Amino acid sequence: MSKKKVTAAETLRINIELADNGIIIRNPDCEDEVTLAMEKGWSDSMEHLDDEYKAIGQKVWDWLLNVVLQEQDPNEIITTGFQLEISAKCEGRSMR
């Protein structure tokens, strides 16, 4: 039985901005890379956020397939999955 092998970690950096009618996803390393996800009837209830869910999920999935997987040497490892570690901080303006 072979040992499990894990490669060096890659990092995805995105900023998700909350807007009145959806979200804006920005790449802090490339100011030209911006994704908008709009939702009709945006509210604090967080209902009906299909476009936002899809936009965030697509960003992560595309990064896994197009960056992380492509960085691996196919002669070194047979990729069978991904380990994700997500860190998030809220940002905004002071209430005062």
N, C-alpha and C. Protein backbone atom coordinates (compact mmCIF):
# COMPACT_ATOMS: atom_id res chain seq x y z
N MET A 1 0.84 -1.18 0.00
CA MET A 1 0.00 0.00 0.00
C MET A 1 0.89 1.25 0.00
N SER A 2 0.62 2.17 -0.90
CA SER A 2 1.45 3.37 -1.01
C SER A 2 1.02 4.43 -0.01
N LYS A 3 2.00 5.24 0.37
CA LYS A 3 1.72 6.34 1.29
C LYS A 3 1.04 7.48 0.54
N LYS A 4 0.20 8.21 1.26
CA LYS A 4 -0.45 9.38 0.68
C LYS A 4 0.58 10.49 0.55
N LYS A 5 0.57 11.16 -0.58
CA LYS A 5 1.51 12.24 -0.82
C LYS A 5 0.74 13.55 -0.96
N VAL A 6 1.26 14.59 -0.36
CA VAL A 6 0.65 15.92 -0.44
C VAL A 6 1.71 16.87 -0.98
N THR A 7 1.32 17.71 -1.94
CA THR A 7 2.25 18.65 -2.54
C THR A 7 2.19 20.00 -1.82
N ALA A 8 3.04 20.91 -2.22
CA ALA A 8 3.07 22.26 -1.64
C ALA A 8 1.74 22.96 -1.89
N ALA A 9 1.33 23.80 -0.96
CA ALA A 9 0.05 24.50 -1.07
C ALA A 9 0.14 25.69 -2.01
N GLU A 10 -0.92 25.91 -2.76
CA GLU A 10 -1.10 27.11 -3.57
C GLU A 10 -2.06 28.01 -2.80
N THR A 11 -2.09 29.29 -3.14
CA THR A 11 -2.95 30.23 -2.43
C THR A 11 -3.85 30.97 -3.41
N LEU A 12 -5.13 30.99 -3.12
CA LEU A 12 -6.11 31.77 -3.88
C LEU A 12 -6.48 32.97 -3.03
N ARG A 13 -6.31 34.16 -3.56
CA ARG A 13 -6.67 35.37 -2.84
C ARG A 13 -7.81 36.04 -3.59
N ILE A 14 -8.95 36.21 -2.94
CA ILE A 14 -10.06 36.94 -3.53
C ILE A 14 -10.69 37.83 -2.46
N ASN A 15 -11.21 38.94 -2.90
CA ASN A 15 -12.00 39.81 -2.04
C ASN A 15 -13.44 39.73 -2.52
N ILE A 16 -14.36 39.50 -1.61
CA ILE A 16 -15.78 39.45 -1.93
C ILE A 16 -16.43 40.67 -1.30
N GLU A 17 -16.95 41.55 -2.13
CA GLU A 17 -17.58 42.77 -1.65
C GLU A 17 -19.10 42.60 -1.70
N LEU A 18 -19.76 42.98 -0.63
CA LEU A 18 -21.21 42.92 -0.58
C LEU A 18 -21.77 44.21 -1.17
N ALA A 19 -22.63 44.09 -2.16
CA ALA A 19 -23.24 45.25 -2.80
C ALA A 19 -24.75 45.21 -2.54
N ASP A 20 -25.42 46.29 -2.88
CA ASP A 20 -26.87 46.36 -2.65
C ASP A 20 -27.63 45.29 -3.43
N ASN A 21 -27.09 44.88 -4.56
CA ASN A 21 -27.82 43.94 -5.42
C ASN A 21 -27.02 42.70 -5.78
N GLY A 22 -26.06 42.30 -4.94
CA GLY A 22 -25.27 41.11 -5.23
C GLY A 22 -23.90 41.20 -4.62
N ILE A 23 -22.92 40.64 -5.30
CA ILE A 23 -21.54 40.66 -4.81
C ILE A 23 -20.59 41.03 -5.93
N ILE A 24 -19.43 41.50 -5.54
CA ILE A 24 -18.33 41.78 -6.46
C ILE A 24 -17.15 40.96 -5.97
N ILE A 25 -16.59 40.11 -6.83
CA ILE A 25 -15.42 39.31 -6.48
C ILE A 25 -14.22 39.93 -7.17
N ARG A 26 -13.22 40.29 -6.38
CA ARG A 26 -12.02 40.93 -6.93
C ARG A 26 -10.78 40.10 -6.61
N ASN A 27 -9.84 40.12 -7.53
CA ASN A 27 -8.54 39.50 -7.31
C ASN A 27 -7.61 40.63 -6.85
N PRO A 28 -7.16 40.63 -5.59
CA PRO A 28 -6.32 41.72 -5.11
C PRO A 28 -4.95 41.77 -5.80
N ASP A 29 -4.57 40.71 -6.49
CA ASP A 29 -3.29 40.68 -7.20
C ASP A 29 -3.40 41.14 -8.65
N CYS A 30 -4.63 41.32 -9.14
CA CYS A 30 -4.85 41.75 -10.53
C CYS A 30 -6.12 42.59 -10.58
N GLU A 31 -5.96 43.91 -10.59
CA GLU A 31 -7.11 44.80 -10.49
C GLU A 31 -8.08 44.67 -11.66
N ASP A 32 -7.64 44.10 -12.78
CA ASP A 32 -8.52 43.93 -13.93
C ASP A 32 -9.42 42.70 -13.82
N GLU A 33 -9.17 41.83 -12.87
CA GLU A 33 -9.98 40.62 -12.71
C GLU A 33 -11.11 40.87 -11.71
N VAL A 34 -12.30 41.08 -12.25
CA VAL A 34 -13.47 41.40 -11.43
C VAL A 34 -14.64 40.54 -11.90
N THR A 35 -15.38 39.95 -10.97
CA THR A 35 -16.56 39.15 -11.28
C THR A 35 -17.74 39.74 -10.54
N LEU A 36 -18.84 39.97 -11.27
CA LEU A 36 -20.06 40.48 -10.65
C LEU A 36 -21.09 39.36 -10.61
N ALA A 37 -21.77 39.25 -9.49
CA ALA A 37 -22.89 38.32 -9.36
C ALA A 37 -24.06 39.13 -8.85
N MET A 38 -25.08 39.26 -9.67
CA MET A 38 -26.23 40.11 -9.34
C MET A 38 -27.40 39.25 -8.90
N GLU A 39 -28.17 39.79 -8.00
CA GLU A 39 -29.35 39.08 -7.51
C GLU A 39 -30.50 40.07 -7.42
N LYS A 40 -31.63 39.69 -7.97
CA LYS A 40 -32.83 40.53 -7.84
C LYS A 40 -33.39 40.33 -6.44
N GLY A 41 -33.77 41.40 -5.83
CA GLY A 41 -34.39 41.30 -4.52
C GLY A 41 -33.40 41.02 -3.40
N TRP A 42 -32.16 41.50 -3.53
CA TRP A 42 -31.15 41.32 -2.48
C TRP A 42 -31.69 41.82 -1.16
N SER A 43 -31.47 41.05 -0.11
CA SER A 43 -31.92 41.47 1.21
C SER A 43 -31.01 40.86 2.26
N ASP A 44 -31.17 41.31 3.49
CA ASP A 44 -30.37 40.78 4.59
C ASP A 44 -30.73 39.35 4.94
N SER A 45 -31.81 38.83 4.40
CA SER A 45 -32.25 37.48 4.74
C SER A 45 -31.39 36.41 4.08
N MET A 46 -30.54 36.79 3.12
CA MET A 46 -29.64 35.87 2.42
C MET A 46 -30.40 34.77 1.67
N GLU A 47 -31.61 35.04 1.25
CA GLU A 47 -32.37 34.09 0.45
C GLU A 47 -32.12 34.36 -1.03
N HIS A 48 -32.27 33.36 -1.85
CA HIS A 48 -32.18 33.49 -3.30
C HIS A 48 -30.82 34.02 -3.75
N LEU A 49 -29.77 33.41 -3.30
CA LEU A 49 -28.42 33.86 -3.65
C LEU A 49 -27.74 32.93 -4.65
N ASP A 50 -28.51 32.32 -5.53
CA ASP A 50 -27.97 31.34 -6.47
C ASP A 50 -26.81 31.88 -7.29
N ASP A 51 -26.93 33.09 -7.82
CA ASP A 51 -25.86 33.64 -8.65
C ASP A 51 -24.58 33.84 -7.85
N GLU A 52 -24.73 34.28 -6.60
CA GLU A 52 -23.56 34.49 -5.75
C GLU A 52 -22.89 33.16 -5.41
N TYR A 53 -23.68 32.15 -5.06
CA TYR A 53 -23.13 30.83 -4.76
C TYR A 53 -22.35 30.30 -5.96
N LYS A 54 -22.95 30.41 -7.13
CA LYS A 54 -22.32 29.89 -8.34
C LYS A 54 -21.03 30.65 -8.66
N ALA A 55 -21.04 31.97 -8.50
CA ALA A 55 -19.85 32.77 -8.84
C ALA A 55 -18.68 32.42 -7.93
N ILE A 56 -18.93 32.31 -6.62
CA ILE A 56 -17.86 31.98 -5.68
C ILE A 56 -17.37 30.55 -5.92
N GLY A 57 -18.30 29.62 -6.07
CA GLY A 57 -17.93 28.23 -6.32
C GLY A 57 -17.16 28.06 -7.62
N GLN A 58 -17.57 28.78 -8.66
CA GLN A 58 -16.88 28.69 -9.94
C GLN A 58 -15.46 29.23 -9.83
N LYS A 59 -15.27 30.33 -9.09
CA LYS A 59 -13.92 30.88 -8.90
C LYS A 59 -13.00 29.85 -8.25
N VAL A 60 -13.50 29.21 -7.19
CA VAL A 60 -12.68 28.22 -6.47
C VAL A 60 -12.41 27.01 -7.36
N TRP A 61 -13.43 26.48 -8.01
CA TRP A 61 -13.27 25.29 -8.85
C TRP A 61 -12.32 25.56 -10.02
N ASP A 62 -12.49 26.71 -10.69
CA ASP A 62 -11.60 27.05 -11.81
C ASP A 62 -10.15 27.15 -11.33
N TRP A 63 -9.96 27.75 -10.16
CA TRP A 63 -8.61 27.88 -9.61
C TRP A 63 -8.01 26.50 -9.32
N LEU A 64 -8.81 25.59 -8.74
CA LEU A 64 -8.32 24.25 -8.45
C LEU A 64 -7.89 23.54 -9.74
N LEU A 65 -8.71 23.62 -10.77
CA LEU A 65 -8.41 22.90 -12.01
C LEU A 65 -7.35 23.59 -12.87
N ASN A 66 -7.40 24.91 -12.94
CA ASN A 66 -6.55 25.64 -13.88
C ASN A 66 -5.24 26.13 -13.29
N VAL A 67 -5.13 26.15 -11.96
CA VAL A 67 -3.88 26.60 -11.34
C VAL A 67 -3.27 25.48 -10.51
N VAL A 68 -3.97 25.04 -9.50
CA VAL A 68 -3.41 24.06 -8.57
C VAL A 68 -3.07 22.75 -9.29
N LEU A 69 -3.99 22.21 -10.03
CA LEU A 69 -3.77 20.93 -10.72
C LEU A 69 -2.68 21.06 -11.78
N GLN A 70 -2.63 22.18 -12.48
CA GLN A 70 -1.64 22.38 -13.54
C GLN A 70 -0.22 22.54 -12.98
N GLU A 71 -0.09 22.93 -11.73
CA GLU A 71 1.22 23.11 -11.11
C GLU A 71 1.86 21.77 -10.70
N GLN A 72 1.10 20.71 -10.71
CA GLN A 72 1.59 19.41 -10.24
C GLN A 72 2.25 18.64 -11.38
N ASP A 73 3.32 17.96 -11.03
CA ASP A 73 4.03 17.11 -11.98
C ASP A 73 3.29 15.78 -12.05
N PRO A 74 2.73 15.42 -13.21
CA PRO A 74 1.97 14.18 -13.32
C PRO A 74 2.82 12.92 -13.08
N ASN A 75 4.14 13.05 -13.13
CA ASN A 75 5.02 11.92 -12.85
C ASN A 75 5.30 11.78 -11.36
N GLU A 76 4.89 12.79 -10.57
CA GLU A 76 5.17 12.79 -9.14
C GLU A 76 3.96 12.34 -8.31
N ILE A 77 2.76 12.70 -8.75
CA ILE A 77 1.58 12.45 -7.94
C ILE A 77 0.36 12.22 -8.85
N ILE A 78 -0.49 11.28 -8.44
CA ILE A 78 -1.79 11.11 -9.07
C ILE A 78 -2.77 11.85 -8.16
N THR A 79 -3.28 12.97 -8.62
CA THR A 79 -4.16 13.79 -7.79
C THR A 79 -5.50 13.10 -7.60
N THR A 80 -5.87 12.89 -6.36
CA THR A 80 -7.15 12.24 -6.04
C THR A 80 -8.08 13.15 -5.26
N GLY A 81 -7.65 14.36 -4.97
CA GLY A 81 -8.50 15.30 -4.23
C GLY A 81 -7.71 16.55 -3.87
N PHE A 82 -8.35 17.43 -3.15
CA PHE A 82 -7.74 18.69 -2.74
C PHE A 82 -8.01 18.91 -1.26
N GLN A 83 -7.05 19.50 -0.56
CA GLN A 83 -7.25 19.95 0.81
C GLN A 83 -7.37 21.46 0.76
N LEU A 84 -8.46 21.99 1.30
CA LEU A 84 -8.67 23.43 1.31
C LEU A 84 -8.63 23.94 2.74
N GLU A 85 -7.99 25.07 2.92
CA GLU A 85 -7.98 25.75 4.21
C GLU A 85 -8.36 27.19 3.92
N ILE A 86 -9.52 27.60 4.39
CA ILE A 86 -10.04 28.92 4.06
C ILE A 86 -9.97 29.81 5.29
N SER A 87 -9.43 30.99 5.11
CA SER A 87 -9.35 31.99 6.17
C SER A 87 -10.09 33.22 5.69
N ALA A 88 -10.95 33.78 6.51
CA ALA A 88 -11.72 34.95 6.11
C ALA A 88 -11.73 36.00 7.22
N LYS A 89 -11.66 37.26 6.80
CA LYS A 89 -11.77 38.39 7.73
C LYS A 89 -12.82 39.33 7.18
N CYS A 90 -13.68 39.84 8.06
CA CYS A 90 -14.64 40.85 7.63
C CYS A 90 -13.92 42.19 7.53
N GLU A 91 -14.33 42.99 6.55
CA GLU A 91 -13.76 44.32 6.43
C GLU A 91 -14.89 45.29 6.15
N GLY A 92 -14.70 46.52 6.51
CA GLY A 92 -15.74 47.51 6.27
C GLY A 92 -15.38 48.84 6.90
N ARG A 93 -16.39 49.66 7.06
CA ARG A 93 -16.22 51.00 7.62
C ARG A 93 -16.69 51.00 9.07
N SER A 94 -16.12 51.89 9.83
CA SER A 94 -16.50 52.06 11.23
C SER A 94 -17.93 52.59 11.32
N MET A 95 -18.64 52.14 12.33
CA MET A 95 -20.01 52.61 12.55
C MET A 95 -20.02 54.01 13.18
N ARG A 96 -18.90 54.50 13.62
CA ARG A 96 -18.84 55.82 14.27
C ARG A 96 -18.40 56.90 13.35
